[in-house]
Amino acid sequence: MTDEKVKVIVLTGATRGLGRALVSGFVEAGHTVIGCGRSSNAIKELKNHCGKPHRFDRVDVSDDAQVSAWAHSVIAEFGPPNLLLNNAGIINENASLWEVPADEFSTVIDVNIKGVANVIRHFIPAMIELKRGVVVNFSSTWGRCTSSEVAPYCATKWAIEGLTQALAQELPRGMAAIPVNPGVINTAMLQSCFGASASRYPEADEWSTKAVPFLLGLSRQQNGESLTVPV
């Protein structure tokens, strides 16, 4: 792949689930991946497995200061990303809304909404200067419908739909912000909700074989559209 076709991809939540599967897919496709996660051990494993020129750092996206320092360092080394993927997310333990502890509710909000805003806040200005790049904020099936016992998670993913569509109206021509529903995939997060029945759904590695080319193919033509990975 020529240098002109190599994309710089920034991916949050890179250490597990869909994010980890995407890392492998993007690296195999010849692109440069910069990822973050909260597990030091998982970050070390990614560094050892992927090597240079890829970069992985321990970052809590809900901490604006950490995101600011990370973004500044990444942009100084690689320049603005071509593709910015806000994938990091958590879910509450199954419970009726009134039974979800206040601190757990706040943590879901902090990671799933504020974390996305933090990443956008510190990466987007450099992308806007070049008037290029695609921002993908991962939504969910539960960002377009609802289920019982996951109200906090549903609230965050509905928020991501609105946040992303508003962002799409603010970006200059040549850029795009797109809310993407990855579909229902057998990850630890899904298992926490569905238990053993999560095994009926595709594994993350299988999903990524379609997700990687789909995400790489997104452009300004899809700005503001609510899309779903074809699985």
C-alpha atoms as a PDB file:
ATOM      1  CA  MET A   1       0.000   0.000   0.000  1.00  0.00           C
ATOM      2  CA  THR A   2       1.374   3.408  -0.938  1.00  0.00           C
ATOM      3  CA  ASP A   3       1.842   6.095   1.688  1.00  0.00           C
ATOM      4  CA  GLU A   4      -0.946   8.122   0.088  1.00  0.00           C
ATOM      5  CA  LYS A   5      -3.412   5.328   0.773  1.00  0.00           C
ATOM      6  CA  VAL A   6      -2.321   4.569   4.338  1.00  0.00           C
ATOM      7  CA  LYS A   7      -4.805   6.015   6.806  1.00  0.00           C
ATOM      8  CA  VAL A   8      -4.001   7.193  10.307  1.00  0.00           C
ATOM      9  CA  ILE A   9      -6.753   5.728  12.479  1.00  0.00           C
ATOM     10  CA  VAL A  10      -7.408   6.744  16.077  1.00  0.00           C
ATOM     11  CA  LEU A  11      -9.490   4.214  17.991  1.00  0.00           C
ATOM     12  CA  THR A  12     -10.677   4.361  21.588  1.00  0.00           C
ATOM     13  CA  GLY A  13     -11.516   1.203  23.507  1.00  0.00           C
ATOM     14  CA  ALA A  14      -8.860  -0.669  21.543  1.00  0.00           C
ATOM     15  CA  THR A  15      -8.011  -3.353  24.086  1.00  0.00           C
ATOM     16  CA  ARG A  16     -11.057  -5.608  24.031  1.00  0.00           C
ATOM     17  CA  GLY A  17     -14.195  -6.612  22.185  1.00  0.00           C
ATOM     18  CA  LEU A  18     -14.948  -4.804  18.969  1.00  0.00           C
ATOM     19  CA  GLY A  19     -12.028  -2.416  19.402  1.00  0.00           C
ATOM     20  CA  ARG A  20      -9.469  -5.205  19.665  1.00  0.00           C
ATOM     21  CA  ALA A  21     -10.895  -6.909  16.592  1.00  0.00           C
ATOM     22  CA  LEU A  22     -10.758  -3.633  14.659  1.00  0.00           C
ATOM     23  CA  VAL A  23      -7.114  -3.115  15.595  1.00  0.00           C
ATOM     24  CA  SER A  24      -6.180  -6.441  14.014  1.00  0.00           C
ATOM     25  CA  GLY A  25      -8.257  -5.730  10.921  1.00  0.00           C
ATOM     26  CA  PHE A  26      -6.878  -2.246  10.318  1.00  0.00           C
ATOM     27  CA  VAL A  27      -3.282  -3.355  10.913  1.00  0.00           C
ATOM     28  CA  GLU A  28      -3.676  -6.281   8.519  1.00  0.00           C
ATOM     29  CA  ALA A  29      -5.102  -3.873   5.932  1.00  0.00           C
ATOM     30  CA  GLY A  30      -1.902  -1.819   6.130  1.00  0.00           C
ATOM     31  CA  HIS A  31      -3.105   1.222   8.049  1.00  0.00           C
ATOM     32  CA  THR A  32      -1.526   2.969  11.028  1.00  0.00           C
ATOM     33  CA  VAL A  33      -3.508   2.474  14.233  1.00  0.00           C
ATOM     34  CA  ILE A  34      -3.306   4.631  17.336  1.00  0.00           C
ATOM     35  CA  GLY A  35      -5.412   3.162  20.111  1.00  0.00           C
ATOM     36  CA  CYS A  36      -6.141   3.617  23.763  1.00  0.00           C
ATOM     37  CA  GLY A  37      -7.647   1.652  26.612  1.00  0.00           C
ATOM     38  CA  ARG A  38      -7.709   1.545  30.391  1.00  0.00           C
ATOM     39  CA  SER A  39      -5.878  -1.759  30.964  1.00  0.00           C
ATOM     40  CA  SER A  40      -2.101  -1.421  31.247  1.00  0.00           C
ATOM     41  CA  ASN A  41      -1.581  -5.131  30.599  1.00  0.00           C
ATOM     42  CA  ALA A  42      -3.767  -5.083  27.491  1.00  0.00           C
ATOM     43  CA  ILE A  43      -1.966  -1.998  26.178  1.00  0.00           C
ATOM     44  CA  LYS A  44       1.370  -3.740  26.681  1.00  0.00           C
ATOM     45  CA  GLU A  45       0.086  -6.765  24.772  1.00  0.00           C
ATOM     46  CA  LEU A  46      -1.032  -4.582  21.866  1.00  0.00           C
ATOM     47  CA  LYS A  47       2.335  -2.831  21.725  1.00  0.00           C
ATOM     48  CA  ASN A  48       4.178  -6.145  21.649  1.00  0.00           C
ATOM     49  CA  HIS A  49       1.828  -7.680  19.093  1.00  0.00           C
ATOM     50  CA  CYS A  50       1.535  -4.780  16.654  1.00  0.00           C
ATOM     51  CA  GLY A  51       4.859  -2.959  16.995  1.00  0.00           C
ATOM     52  CA  LYS A  52       5.737   0.182  15.065  1.00  0.00           C
ATOM     53  CA  PRO A  53       4.437   2.396  13.526  1.00  0.00           C
ATOM     54  CA  HIS A  54       1.312   1.678  15.565  1.00  0.00           C
ATOM     55  CA  ARG A  55       0.881   3.275  18.969  1.00  0.00           C
ATOM     56  CA  PHE A  56      -1.158   2.312  22.017  1.00  0.00           C
ATOM     57  CA  ASP A  57      -1.554   4.226  25.278  1.00  0.00           C
ATOM     58  CA  ARG A  58      -3.348   3.852  28.560  1.00  0.00           C
ATOM     59  CA  VAL A  59      -5.995   6.575  28.570  1.00  0.00           C
ATOM     60  CA  ASP A  60      -9.255   6.983  30.473  1.00  0.00           C
ATOM     61  CA  VAL A  61     -11.443   8.817  27.962  1.00  0.00           C
ATOM     62  CA  SER A  62     -13.660  10.151  30.739  1.00  0.00           C
ATOM     63  CA  ASP A  63     -10.667  12.178  32.017  1.00  0.00           C
ATOM     64  CA  ASP A  64     -10.438  15.290  29.854  1.00  0.00           C
ATOM     65  CA  ALA A  65      -6.872  16.091  30.947  1.00  0.00           C
ATOM     66  CA  GLN A  66      -5.665  12.615  29.973  1.00  0.00           C
ATOM     67  CA  VAL A  67      -7.358  12.851  26.586  1.00  0.00           C
ATOM     68  CA  SER A  68      -5.911  16.309  25.985  1.00  0.00           C
ATOM     69  CA  ALA A  69      -2.350  15.145  26.672  1.00  0.00           C
ATOM     70  CA  TRP A  70      -2.817  12.022  24.542  1.00  0.00           C
ATOM     71  CA  ALA A  71      -4.296  13.896  21.589  1.00  0.00           C
ATOM     72  CA  HIS A  72      -1.573  16.552  21.657  1.00  0.00           C
ATOM     73  CA  SER A  73       1.126  13.872  21.622  1.00  0.00           C
ATOM     74  CA  VAL A  74      -0.546  11.799  18.901  1.00  0.00           C
ATOM     75  CA  ILE A  75      -1.101  14.763  16.584  1.00  0.00           C
ATOM     76  CA  ALA A  76       2.489  15.911  17.082  1.00  0.00           C
ATOM     77  CA  GLU A  77       3.745  12.470  16.031  1.00  0.00           C
ATOM     78  CA  PHE A  78       1.264  11.423  13.335  1.00  0.00           C
ATOM     79  CA  GLY A  79      -0.689  14.509  12.365  1.00  0.00           C
ATOM     80  CA  PRO A  80      -4.504  14.650  12.443  1.00  0.00           C
ATOM     81  CA  PRO A  81      -6.232  11.275  11.961  1.00  0.00           C
ATOM     82  CA  ASN A  82      -8.029  10.381   8.760  1.00  0.00           C
ATOM     83  CA  LEU A  83     -10.484   8.275  10.734  1.00  0.00           C
ATOM     84  CA  LEU A  84     -11.427   8.927  14.365  1.00  0.00           C
ATOM     85  CA  LEU A  85     -13.394   6.088  15.954  1.00  0.00           C
ATOM     86  CA  ASN A  86     -15.078   6.614  19.314  1.00  0.00           C
ATOM     87  CA  ASN A  87     -15.611   3.004  20.329  1.00  0.00           C
ATOM     88  CA  ALA A  88     -14.920   3.013  24.081  1.00  0.00           C
ATOM     89  CA  GLY A  89     -18.033   2.267  26.092  1.00  0.00           C
ATOM     90  CA  ILE A  90     -19.378   0.495  29.142  1.00  0.00           C
ATOM     91  CA  ILE A  91     -22.772  -0.800  30.196  1.00  0.00           C
ATOM     92  CA  ASN A  92     -24.571  -0.912  33.521  1.00  0.00           C
ATOM     93  CA  GLU A  93     -25.265  -4.190  35.277  1.00  0.00           C
ATOM     94  CA  ASN A  94     -28.764  -5.369  34.434  1.00  0.00           C
ATOM     95  CA  ALA A  95     -31.189  -3.563  36.722  1.00  0.00           C
ATOM     96  CA  SER A  96     -34.320  -1.475  36.633  1.00  0.00           C
ATOM     97  CA  LEU A  97     -33.476   2.207  36.359  1.00  0.00           C
ATOM     98  CA  TRP A  98     -34.402   3.031  39.951  1.00  0.00           C
ATOM     99  CA  GLU A  99     -32.102   0.234  41.165  1.00  0.00           C
ATOM    100  CA  VAL A 100     -29.000   1.465  39.318  1.00  0.00           C
ATOM    101  CA  PRO A 101     -26.674   3.130  41.871  1.00  0.00           C
ATOM    102  CA  ALA A 102     -25.991   6.811  41.244  1.00  0.00           C
ATOM    103  CA  ASP A 103     -22.244   6.286  40.903  1.00  0.00           C
ATOM    104  CA  GLU A 104     -22.710   3.512  38.345  1.00  0.00           C
ATOM    105  CA  PHE A 105     -25.119   5.673  36.329  1.00  0.00           C
ATOM    106  CA  SER A 106     -22.608   8.532  36.392  1.00  0.00           C
ATOM    107  CA  THR A 107     -19.760   6.291  35.230  1.00  0.00           C
ATOM    108  CA  VAL A 108     -21.751   5.098  32.212  1.00  0.00           C
ATOM    109  CA  ILE A 109     -22.535   8.715  31.296  1.00  0.00           C
ATOM    110  CA  ASP A 110     -18.928   9.808  31.854  1.00  0.00           C
ATOM    111  CA  VAL A 111     -17.432   7.168  29.559  1.00  0.00           C
ATOM    112  CA  ASN A 112     -20.115   6.831  26.890  1.00  0.00           C
ATOM    113  CA  ILE A 113     -21.015  10.495  26.388  1.00  0.00           C
ATOM    114  CA  LYS A 114     -18.403  12.715  28.026  1.00  0.00           C
ATOM    115  CA  GLY A 115     -15.613  10.431  26.810  1.00  0.00           C
ATOM    116  CA  VAL A 116     -16.753  10.858  23.218  1.00  0.00           C
ATOM    117  CA  ALA A 117     -16.968  14.629  23.651  1.00  0.00           C
ATOM    118  CA  ASN A 118     -13.484  14.724  25.205  1.00  0.00           C
ATOM    119  CA  VAL A 119     -11.938  12.869  22.273  1.00  0.00           C
ATOM    120  CA  ILE A 120     -13.725  15.066  19.747  1.00  0.00           C
ATOM    121  CA  ARG A 121     -12.750  18.232  21.634  1.00  0.00           C
ATOM    122  CA  HIS A 122      -9.039  17.483  21.388  1.00  0.00           C
ATOM    123  CA  PHE A 123      -8.736  15.818  17.970  1.00  0.00           C
ATOM    124  CA  ILE A 124     -11.276  17.682  15.824  1.00  0.00           C
ATOM    125  CA  PRO A 125      -9.582  21.119  15.705  1.00  0.00           C
ATOM    126  CA  ALA A 126      -6.508  19.703  13.930  1.00  0.00           C
ATOM    127  CA  MET A 127      -8.750  17.807  11.509  1.00  0.00           C
ATOM    128  CA  ILE A 128     -10.763  20.954  10.798  1.00  0.00           C
ATOM    129  CA  GLU A 129      -7.582  22.866   9.943  1.00  0.00           C
ATOM    130  CA  LEU A 130      -7.049  20.411   7.068  1.00  0.00           C
ATOM    131  CA  LYS A 131     -10.789  20.164   6.332  1.00  0.00           C
ATOM    132  CA  ARG A 132     -10.588  16.404   6.064  1.00  0.00           C
ATOM    133  CA  GLY A 133     -11.344  13.323   8.101  1.00  0.00           C
ATOM    134  CA  VAL A 134     -14.230  11.164   9.244  1.00  0.00           C
ATOM    135  CA  VAL A 135     -15.462  10.882  12.830  1.00  0.00           C
ATOM    136  CA  VAL A 136     -17.367   7.707  13.684  1.00  0.00           C
ATOM    137  CA  ASN A 137     -19.162   7.572  17.018  1.00  0.00           C
ATOM    138  CA  PHE A 138     -20.315   4.066  17.840  1.00  0.00           C
ATOM    139  CA  SER A 139     -23.977   3.994  18.669  1.00  0.00           C
ATOM    140  CA  SER A 140     -25.913   0.783  19.263  1.00  0.00           C
ATOM    141  CA  THR A 141     -29.110  -1.011  18.428  1.00  0.00           C
ATOM    142  CA  TRP A 142     -30.070   0.397  21.820  1.00  0.00           C
ATOM    143  CA  GLY A 143     -29.403   3.875  20.473  1.00  0.00           C
ATOM    144  CA  ARG A 144     -32.426   3.453  18.180  1.00  0.00           C
ATOM    145  CA  CYS A 145     -34.669   1.253  20.320  1.00  0.00           C
ATOM    146  CA  THR A 146     -34.771   0.279  24.008  1.00  0.00           C
ATOM    147  CA  SER A 147     -34.792  -2.708  26.344  1.00  0.00           C
ATOM    148  CA  SER A 148     -35.483  -3.114  30.033  1.00  0.00           C
ATOM    149  CA  GLU A 149     -32.670  -3.098  32.612  1.00  0.00           C
ATOM    150  CA  VAL A 150     -30.216  -1.178  30.405  1.00  0.00           C
ATOM    151  CA  ALA A 151     -31.784   2.294  30.595  1.00  0.00           C
ATOM    152  CA  PRO A 152     -28.506   4.127  31.382  1.00  0.00           C
ATOM    153  CA  TYR A 153     -26.778   2.523  28.398  1.00  0.00           C
ATOM    154  CA  CYS A 154     -29.761   3.236  26.133  1.00  0.00           C
ATOM    155  CA  ALA A 155     -29.737   6.861  27.260  1.00  0.00           C
ATOM    156  CA  THR A 156     -26.080   7.253  26.323  1.00  0.00           C
ATOM    157  CA  LYS A 157     -26.447   5.695  22.899  1.00  0.00           C
ATOM    158  CA  TRP A 158     -29.520   7.764  22.038  1.00  0.00           C
ATOM    159  CA  ALA A 159     -27.417  10.752  23.104  1.00  0.00           C
ATOM    160  CA  ILE A 160     -24.624   9.676  20.752  1.00  0.00           C
ATOM    161  CA  GLU A 161     -27.060   9.660  17.843  1.00  0.00           C
ATOM    162  CA  GLY A 162     -28.103  13.255  18.546  1.00  0.00           C
ATOM    163  CA  LEU A 163     -24.634  14.477  19.433  1.00  0.00           C
ATOM    164  CA  THR A 164     -23.189  13.077  16.203  1.00  0.00           C
ATOM    165  CA  GLN A 165     -25.907  14.437  13.953  1.00  0.00           C
ATOM    166  CA  ALA A 166     -25.477  17.890  15.510  1.00  0.00           C
ATOM    167  CA  LEU A 167     -21.708  17.641  15.044  1.00  0.00           C
ATOM    168  CA  ALA A 168     -22.273  16.742  11.401  1.00  0.00           C
ATOM    169  CA  GLN A 169     -24.014  20.106  10.922  1.00  0.00           C
ATOM    170  CA  GLU A 170     -21.056  21.955  12.440  1.00  0.00           C
ATOM    171  CA  LEU A 171     -18.211  20.448  10.411  1.00  0.00           C
ATOM    172  CA  PRO A 172     -16.752  22.111   7.314  1.00  0.00           C
ATOM    173  CA  ARG A 173     -17.342  20.676   3.851  1.00  0.00           C
ATOM    174  CA  GLY A 174     -15.035  17.738   3.249  1.00  0.00           C
ATOM    175  CA  MET A 175     -15.494  16.207   6.704  1.00  0.00           C
ATOM    176  CA  ALA A 176     -18.062  13.833   8.145  1.00  0.00           C
ATOM    177  CA  ALA A 177     -19.466  12.765  11.509  1.00  0.00           C
ATOM    178  CA  ILE A 178     -21.387   9.504  11.406  1.00  0.00           C
ATOM    179  CA  PRO A 179     -23.204   7.550  14.136  1.00  0.00           C
ATOM    180  CA  VAL A 180     -22.656   3.859  13.445  1.00  0.00           C
ATOM    181  CA  ASN A 181     -24.499   0.952  15.005  1.00  0.00           C
ATOM    182  CA  PRO A 182     -22.052  -1.975  14.997  1.00  0.00           C
ATOM    183  CA  GLY A 183     -24.880  -4.502  15.286  1.00  0.00           C
ATOM    184  CA  VAL A 184     -25.382  -7.219  17.901  1.00  0.00           C
ATOM    185  CA  ILE A 185     -22.027  -8.930  18.487  1.00  0.00           C
ATOM    186  CA  ASN A 186     -20.957 -11.567  21.008  1.00  0.00           C
ATOM    187  CA  THR A 187     -18.696  -9.581  23.316  1.00  0.00           C
ATOM    188  CA  ALA A 188     -18.234  -9.492  27.090  1.00  0.00           C
ATOM    189  CA  MET A 189     -20.589  -6.516  27.158  1.00  0.00           C
ATOM    190  CA  LEU A 190     -23.341  -8.452  25.387  1.00  0.00           C
ATOM    191  CA  GLN A 191     -22.737 -11.465  27.620  1.00  0.00           C
ATOM    192  CA  SER A 192     -23.307  -9.282  30.666  1.00  0.00           C
ATOM    193  CA  CYS A 193     -26.822  -8.617  29.358  1.00  0.00           C
ATOM    194  CA  PHE A 194     -27.758 -11.794  27.491  1.00  0.00           C
ATOM    195  CA  GLY A 195     -25.779 -14.438  29.360  1.00  0.00           C
ATOM    196  CA  ALA A 196     -25.218 -17.680  27.438  1.00  0.00           C
ATOM    197  CA  SER A 197     -27.599 -16.626  24.662  1.00  0.00           C
ATOM    198  CA  ALA A 198     -25.017 -14.080  23.492  1.00  0.00           C
ATOM    199  CA  SER A 199     -23.291 -16.983  21.743  1.00  0.00           C
ATOM    200  CA  ARG A 200     -26.019 -16.913  19.080  1.00  0.00           C
ATOM    201  CA  TYR A 201     -24.490 -13.748  17.656  1.00  0.00           C
ATOM    202  CA  PRO A 202     -21.315 -13.244  15.573  1.00  0.00           C
ATOM    203  CA  GLU A 203     -17.947 -13.107  17.294  1.00  0.00           C
ATOM    204  CA  ALA A 204     -15.994  -9.847  17.156  1.00  0.00           C
ATOM    205  CA  ASP A 205     -13.322 -11.241  14.821  1.00  0.00           C
ATOM    206  CA  GLU A 206     -15.969 -12.443  12.375  1.00  0.00           C
ATOM    207  CA  TRP A 207     -17.741  -9.086  12.585  1.00  0.00           C
ATOM    208  CA  SER A 208     -14.540  -7.163  11.877  1.00  0.00           C
ATOM    209  CA  THR A 209     -14.083  -8.790   8.454  1.00  0.00           C
ATOM    210  CA  LYS A 210     -17.070  -6.739   7.293  1.00  0.00           C
ATOM    211  CA  ALA A 211     -16.710  -3.808   9.677  1.00  0.00           C
ATOM    212  CA  VAL A 212     -13.164  -2.882   8.651  1.00  0.00           C
ATOM    213  CA  PRO A 213     -13.853  -2.316   4.918  1.00  0.00           C
ATOM    214  CA  PHE A 214     -17.190  -0.690   5.767  1.00  0.00           C
ATOM    215  CA  LEU A 215     -15.559   1.837   8.112  1.00  0.00           C
ATOM    216  CA  LEU A 216     -12.675   2.495   5.730  1.00  0.00           C
ATOM    217  CA  GLY A 217     -15.174   3.255   2.983  1.00  0.00           C
ATOM    218  CA  LEU A 218     -17.014   5.995   4.865  1.00  0.00           C
ATOM    219  CA  SER A 219     -16.661   9.507   3.485  1.00  0.00           C
ATOM    220  CA  ARG A 220     -18.198  12.987   3.550  1.00  0.00           C
ATOM    221  CA  GLN A 221     -21.089  11.622   1.471  1.00  0.00           C
ATOM    222  CA  GLN A 222     -22.418   9.885   4.611  1.00  0.00           C
ATOM    223  CA  ASN A 223     -22.122  12.927   6.854  1.00  0.00           C
ATOM    224  CA  GLY A 224     -24.853  12.844   9.504  1.00  0.00           C
ATOM    225  CA  GLU A 225     -26.386   9.549   8.350  1.00  0.00           C
ATOM    226  CA  SER A 226     -27.248   6.933  10.979  1.00  0.00           C
ATOM    227  CA  LEU A 227     -25.634   3.791   9.599  1.00  0.00           C
ATOM    228  CA  THR A 228     -25.298   0.152  10.626  1.00  0.00           C
ATOM    229  CA  VAL A 229     -22.415  -2.200   9.886  1.00  0.00           C
ATOM    230  CA  PRO A 230     -23.701  -4.838   7.444  1.00  0.00           C
ATOM    231  CA  VAL A 231     -23.262  -8.184   9.217  1.00  0.00           C
END
